[in-house]
């Protein structure tokens, strides 16, 4: 269980992109912090394994198939989550993709896919969760939390990833706008912008000569750990962050700060 600063006891969190990477880590960390977890993604087999792990450790979790490009799929996933756990007070909009390609070469289809998942999907997920909190206020219940997962690419350009950076910059501004709109409904909205850490997608790259050279260009010559991002997320989801809303928090170990 989490300590007094990061305890999520009494909370129920809906996490998209929970079948791998940061979403998988977030779901596990929330459960370890005492929260109930709704793990949402398209790969049901991985979700089932995650839920089994959480339940074996004494936690409570539910796997729901969810495609964030499909508003109906998001609504059905929230319906299933509500039927199982009741009020969903914590929404983590994590699902995201990337398609590499310079601005002059990326296809329109790849550009649209990035925007559909990284921007539209995040918006639809956050909006569905907030709508339910606003439509069914529960005095005395945990304060609403929405956490959007951005990127340091949303704060500054990463070479060759203009479309991706555009989408993540939109997430940063979305977080600020939603925080303003939902403040009077007692819903906090914040954005985390992680730097580079090892994932299933990039681990081979960082073992190449070019990947190692990229790491050596960072001021501290290292990747961050996923645990660094998880620590920041748990703070923003906890009661300790009751007065923190509209924030965009870079967790990048100075990788792209200078």
Protein backbone atom coordinates (compact mmCIF):
# COMPACT_ATOMS: atom_id res chain seq x y z
CA UNK A 1 0.00 0.00 0.00
CA UNK A 2 1.09 3.60 -0.57
CA UNK A 3 2.29 5.89 2.20
CA UNK A 4 0.35 8.85 3.59
CA UNK A 5 1.36 11.15 0.76
CA UNK A 6 0.41 8.88 -2.12
CA UNK A 7 -2.38 6.74 -0.71
CA UNK A 8 -5.20 6.23 -3.16
CA UNK A 9 -7.39 4.22 -0.78
CA UNK A 10 -11.05 4.81 -1.57
CA UNK A 11 -10.39 5.85 -5.15
CA UNK A 12 -11.41 4.09 -8.36
CA UNK A 13 -9.26 4.82 -11.39
CA UNK A 14 -10.01 4.29 -15.09
CA UNK A 15 -6.71 3.92 -16.96
CA UNK A 16 -6.46 3.77 -20.76
CA UNK A 17 -3.58 2.14 -22.58
CA UNK A 18 -3.17 -0.17 -19.60
CA UNK A 19 -2.01 -3.23 -21.53
CA UNK A 20 1.64 -2.14 -21.76
CA UNK A 21 4.22 0.52 -21.01
CA UNK A 22 3.36 3.44 -18.79
CA UNK A 23 -0.35 2.55 -18.65
CA UNK A 24 0.50 -0.90 -17.31
CA UNK A 25 2.82 0.66 -14.75
CA UNK A 26 0.23 3.25 -13.73
CA UNK A 27 -2.43 0.60 -13.18
CA UNK A 28 -0.10 -1.43 -10.96
CA UNK A 29 1.04 1.64 -9.00
CA UNK A 30 -2.52 2.83 -8.40
CA UNK A 31 -3.49 -0.61 -7.14
CA UNK A 32 -0.41 -0.71 -4.90
CA UNK A 33 -1.48 2.69 -3.56
CA UNK A 34 -4.81 1.24 -2.46
CA UNK A 35 -6.98 2.28 -5.38
CA UNK A 36 -9.34 0.12 -7.39
CA UNK A 37 -8.34 -0.07 -11.06
CA UNK A 38 -10.26 -0.30 -14.31
CA UNK A 39 -7.65 -1.34 -16.86
CA UNK A 40 -8.76 -0.29 -20.35
CA UNK A 41 -7.10 -1.15 -23.68
CA UNK A 42 -7.63 -3.17 -26.83
CA UNK A 43 -5.46 -6.20 -25.93
CA UNK A 44 -7.71 -8.15 -23.59
CA UNK A 45 -5.24 -10.97 -22.92
CA UNK A 46 -2.73 -8.56 -21.43
CA UNK A 47 -5.41 -6.82 -19.40
CA UNK A 48 -6.57 -10.12 -17.95
CA UNK A 49 -3.00 -10.92 -16.87
CA UNK A 50 -2.69 -7.49 -15.24
CA UNK A 51 -5.97 -7.89 -13.36
CA UNK A 52 -4.93 -11.35 -12.16
CA UNK A 53 -1.66 -9.91 -10.84
CA UNK A 54 -3.44 -7.08 -9.00
CA UNK A 55 -6.02 -9.42 -7.49
CA UNK A 56 -3.34 -11.90 -6.41
CA UNK A 57 -1.70 -9.04 -4.48
CA UNK A 58 -5.00 -8.30 -2.73
CA UNK A 59 -6.18 -5.45 -4.91
CA UNK A 60 -9.37 -4.91 -6.90
CA UNK A 61 -9.35 -4.52 -10.68
CA UNK A 62 -11.44 -4.92 -13.81
CA UNK A 63 -10.36 -5.40 -17.42
CA UNK A 64 -12.40 -3.62 -20.09
CA UNK A 65 -11.77 -3.57 -23.81
CA UNK A 66 -11.61 0.00 -25.05
CA UNK A 67 -10.62 1.70 -28.30
CA UNK A 68 -10.15 5.42 -27.57
CA UNK A 69 -10.72 6.26 -31.24
CA UNK A 70 -14.31 5.05 -30.83
CA UNK A 71 -16.52 7.17 -28.56
CA UNK A 72 -19.02 4.34 -28.25
CA UNK A 73 -16.28 2.01 -27.05
CA UNK A 74 -15.26 4.53 -24.38
CA UNK A 75 -18.86 4.89 -23.19
CA UNK A 76 -19.32 1.12 -23.00
CA UNK A 77 -16.07 0.78 -21.05
CA UNK A 78 -17.21 3.38 -18.51
CA UNK A 79 -20.59 1.67 -18.27
CA UNK A 80 -18.88 -1.62 -17.41
CA UNK A 81 -16.61 0.10 -14.91
CA UNK A 82 -19.53 1.82 -13.20
CA UNK A 83 -21.52 -1.40 -13.05
CA UNK A 84 -18.60 -3.09 -11.27
CA UNK A 85 -17.32 -0.36 -8.96
CA UNK A 86 -19.82 2.48 -8.94
CA UNK A 87 -18.46 6.04 -9.10
CA UNK A 88 -15.26 6.44 -11.12
CA UNK A 89 -13.50 9.40 -9.52
CA UNK A 90 -10.09 9.14 -11.19
CA UNK A 91 -9.47 9.17 -14.95
CA UNK A 92 -6.03 8.59 -16.44
CA UNK A 93 -5.98 9.30 -20.19
CA UNK A 94 -2.75 7.55 -21.12
CA UNK A 95 -3.34 5.81 -24.48
CA UNK A 96 -1.09 7.18 -27.20
CA UNK A 97 0.78 6.25 -30.38
CA UNK A 98 3.52 7.59 -32.61
CA UNK A 99 4.23 7.40 -36.31
CA UNK A 100 7.71 8.47 -37.31
CA UNK A 101 8.20 10.69 -40.29
CA UNK A 102 9.37 14.17 -41.18
CA UNK A 103 6.66 16.70 -41.95
CA UNK A 104 7.33 16.38 -45.68
CA UNK A 105 7.07 12.59 -45.70
CA UNK A 106 4.53 11.50 -43.09
CA UNK A 107 1.34 10.23 -44.70
CA UNK A 108 -2.00 11.88 -44.11
CA UNK A 109 -3.26 8.59 -42.69
CA UNK A 110 -0.45 8.44 -40.12
CA UNK A 111 -0.97 12.10 -39.21
CA UNK A 112 -4.68 11.48 -38.70
CA UNK A 113 -3.99 8.38 -36.58
CA UNK A 114 -1.70 10.34 -34.25
CA UNK A 115 -4.27 13.08 -33.77
CA UNK A 116 -7.13 10.60 -33.40
CA UNK A 117 -5.49 8.66 -30.56
CA UNK A 118 -3.26 11.21 -28.86
CA UNK A 119 -5.59 14.20 -28.95
CA UNK A 120 -9.16 13.18 -29.74
CA UNK A 121 -8.95 9.96 -27.74
CA UNK A 122 -7.56 11.74 -24.69
CA UNK A 123 -10.29 14.37 -24.94
CA UNK A 124 -13.11 11.84 -25.29
CA UNK A 125 -11.81 9.77 -22.37
CA UNK A 126 -11.47 12.77 -20.06
CA UNK A 127 -14.82 14.17 -21.12
CA UNK A 128 -16.74 10.94 -20.54
CA UNK A 129 -15.29 10.55 -17.07
CA UNK A 130 -15.96 14.18 -16.15
CA UNK A 131 -19.51 14.10 -17.51
CA UNK A 132 -20.36 11.28 -15.15
CA UNK A 133 -18.83 13.04 -12.17
CA UNK A 134 -20.65 16.28 -12.99
CA UNK A 135 -23.99 14.57 -13.65
CA UNK A 136 -23.90 12.63 -10.37
CA UNK A 137 -22.28 14.77 -7.67
CA UNK A 138 -21.40 12.91 -4.48
CA UNK A 139 -20.76 15.25 -1.54
CA UNK A 140 -18.10 13.83 0.74
CA UNK A 141 -16.74 11.47 -1.92
CA UNK A 142 -13.14 11.73 -3.16
CA UNK A 143 -12.40 14.82 -5.25
CA UNK A 144 -12.42 14.18 -8.98
CA UNK A 145 -9.08 13.63 -10.67
CA UNK A 146 -8.19 13.69 -14.36
CA UNK A 147 -4.59 12.99 -15.34
CA UNK A 148 -3.55 13.45 -18.97
CA UNK A 149 -0.33 11.87 -20.19
CA UNK A 150 1.57 14.26 -22.43
CA UNK A 151 5.26 14.26 -23.32
CA UNK A 152 8.25 16.55 -23.24
CA UNK A 153 7.49 16.65 -26.96
CA UNK A 154 4.47 18.73 -26.00
CA UNK A 155 6.75 21.35 -24.45
CA UNK A 156 9.49 21.49 -27.09
CA UNK A 157 10.09 20.02 -30.51
CA UNK A 158 11.71 16.59 -30.86
CA UNK A 159 13.46 16.43 -34.26
CA UNK A 160 11.55 14.49 -36.88
CA UNK A 161 8.45 14.13 -34.69
CA UNK A 162 6.51 17.28 -35.52
CA UNK A 163 3.12 15.59 -35.77
CA UNK A 164 3.61 13.74 -32.48
CA UNK A 165 4.78 16.93 -30.76
CA UNK A 166 1.77 18.80 -32.13
CA UNK A 167 -0.55 16.22 -30.62
CA UNK A 168 1.14 16.34 -27.22
CA UNK A 169 1.21 20.16 -27.19
CA UNK A 170 -2.54 19.94 -27.71
CA UNK A 171 -2.80 17.67 -24.67
CA UNK A 172 -0.97 20.26 -22.54
CA UNK A 173 -3.38 23.01 -23.57
CA UNK A 174 -6.32 20.64 -23.16
CA UNK A 175 -5.32 20.03 -19.56
CA UNK A 176 -5.27 23.74 -18.83
CA UNK A 177 -8.61 24.33 -20.50
CA UNK A 178 -10.38 21.41 -18.82
CA UNK A 179 -8.96 22.41 -15.44
CA UNK A 180 -10.56 25.83 -15.85
CA UNK A 181 -13.89 24.43 -17.05
CA UNK A 182 -14.24 21.80 -14.34
CA UNK A 183 -12.80 23.58 -11.31
CA UNK A 184 -16.21 24.45 -9.89
CA UNK A 185 -17.21 20.80 -10.17
CA UNK A 186 -14.35 19.84 -7.82
CA UNK A 187 -12.43 18.04 -10.58
CA UNK A 188 -8.68 18.59 -10.80
CA UNK A 189 -7.05 18.18 -14.22
CA UNK A 190 -3.29 17.93 -14.61
CA UNK A 191 -0.82 16.81 -17.28
CA UNK A 192 2.43 14.90 -16.90
CA UNK A 193 5.04 15.29 -19.65
CA UNK A 194 7.49 12.39 -19.32
CA UNK A 195 10.94 12.29 -20.84
CA UNK A 196 12.61 9.24 -22.35
CA UNK A 197 12.46 5.93 -20.48
CA UNK A 198 12.70 2.34 -21.67
CA UNK A 199 9.57 0.77 -23.11
CA UNK A 200 8.76 -2.20 -25.32
CA UNK A 201 8.73 0.18 -28.27
CA UNK A 202 12.08 1.93 -27.81
CA UNK A 203 14.33 -0.48 -25.91
CA UNK A 204 15.96 -1.80 -29.08
CA UNK A 205 16.69 1.75 -30.25
CA UNK A 206 18.53 2.67 -27.06
CA UNK A 207 20.80 -0.36 -27.53
CA UNK A 208 21.96 0.91 -30.94
CA UNK A 209 24.96 3.22 -31.39
CA UNK A 210 22.63 6.09 -32.31
CA UNK A 211 20.45 5.44 -29.27
CA UNK A 212 23.43 5.39 -26.92
CA UNK A 213 24.68 8.63 -28.45
CA UNK A 214 21.28 10.20 -27.81
CA UNK A 215 21.52 9.26 -24.14
CA UNK A 216 25.01 10.76 -23.93
CA UNK A 217 23.63 14.08 -25.19
CA UNK A 218 21.29 14.34 -22.19
CA UNK A 219 22.73 16.56 -19.42
CA UNK A 220 22.74 13.63 -16.97
CA UNK A 221 23.57 11.03 -19.63
CA UNK A 222 20.82 8.67 -18.60
CA UNK A 223 17.21 7.68 -19.24
CA UNK A 224 14.66 8.30 -16.54
CA UNK A 225 12.99 5.35 -14.85
CA UNK A 226 9.31 4.64 -15.18
CA UNK A 227 9.17 4.87 -11.39
CA UNK A 228 10.04 8.56 -11.69
CA UNK A 229 6.90 9.18 -13.73
CA UNK A 230 4.80 6.96 -11.46
CA UNK A 231 5.84 8.93 -8.39
CA UNK A 232 4.69 12.20 -9.97
CA UNK A 233 1.43 10.59 -11.10
CA UNK A 234 0.62 9.21 -7.67
CA UNK A 235 1.12 12.65 -6.15
CA UNK A 236 -1.25 14.29 -8.64
CA UNK A 237 -3.88 11.60 -8.06
CA UNK A 238 -3.61 11.73 -4.28
CA UNK A 239 -5.32 14.01 -1.78
CA UNK A 240 -2.02 15.85 -1.37
CA UNK A 241 -2.70 17.49 -4.74
CA UNK A 242 -6.13 18.85 -3.83
CA UNK A 243 -5.06 22.41 -4.73
CA UNK A 244 -3.07 21.46 -7.83
CA UNK A 245 -4.98 21.79 -11.09
CA UNK A 246 -4.09 23.00 -14.56
CA UNK A 247 -0.45 22.03 -14.05
CA UNK A 248 1.86 20.65 -16.75
CA UNK A 249 4.62 18.75 -15.00
CA UNK A 250 7.76 17.78 -16.93
CA UNK A 251 9.41 14.65 -15.57
CA UNK A 252 12.46 14.40 -17.80
CA UNK A 253 15.65 14.61 -15.70
CA UNK A 254 16.59 17.73 -17.73
CA UNK A 255 16.73 15.67 -20.93
CA UNK A 256 15.15 18.38 -23.09
CA UNK A 257 15.10 21.30 -20.66
CA UNK A 258 18.35 22.89 -21.83
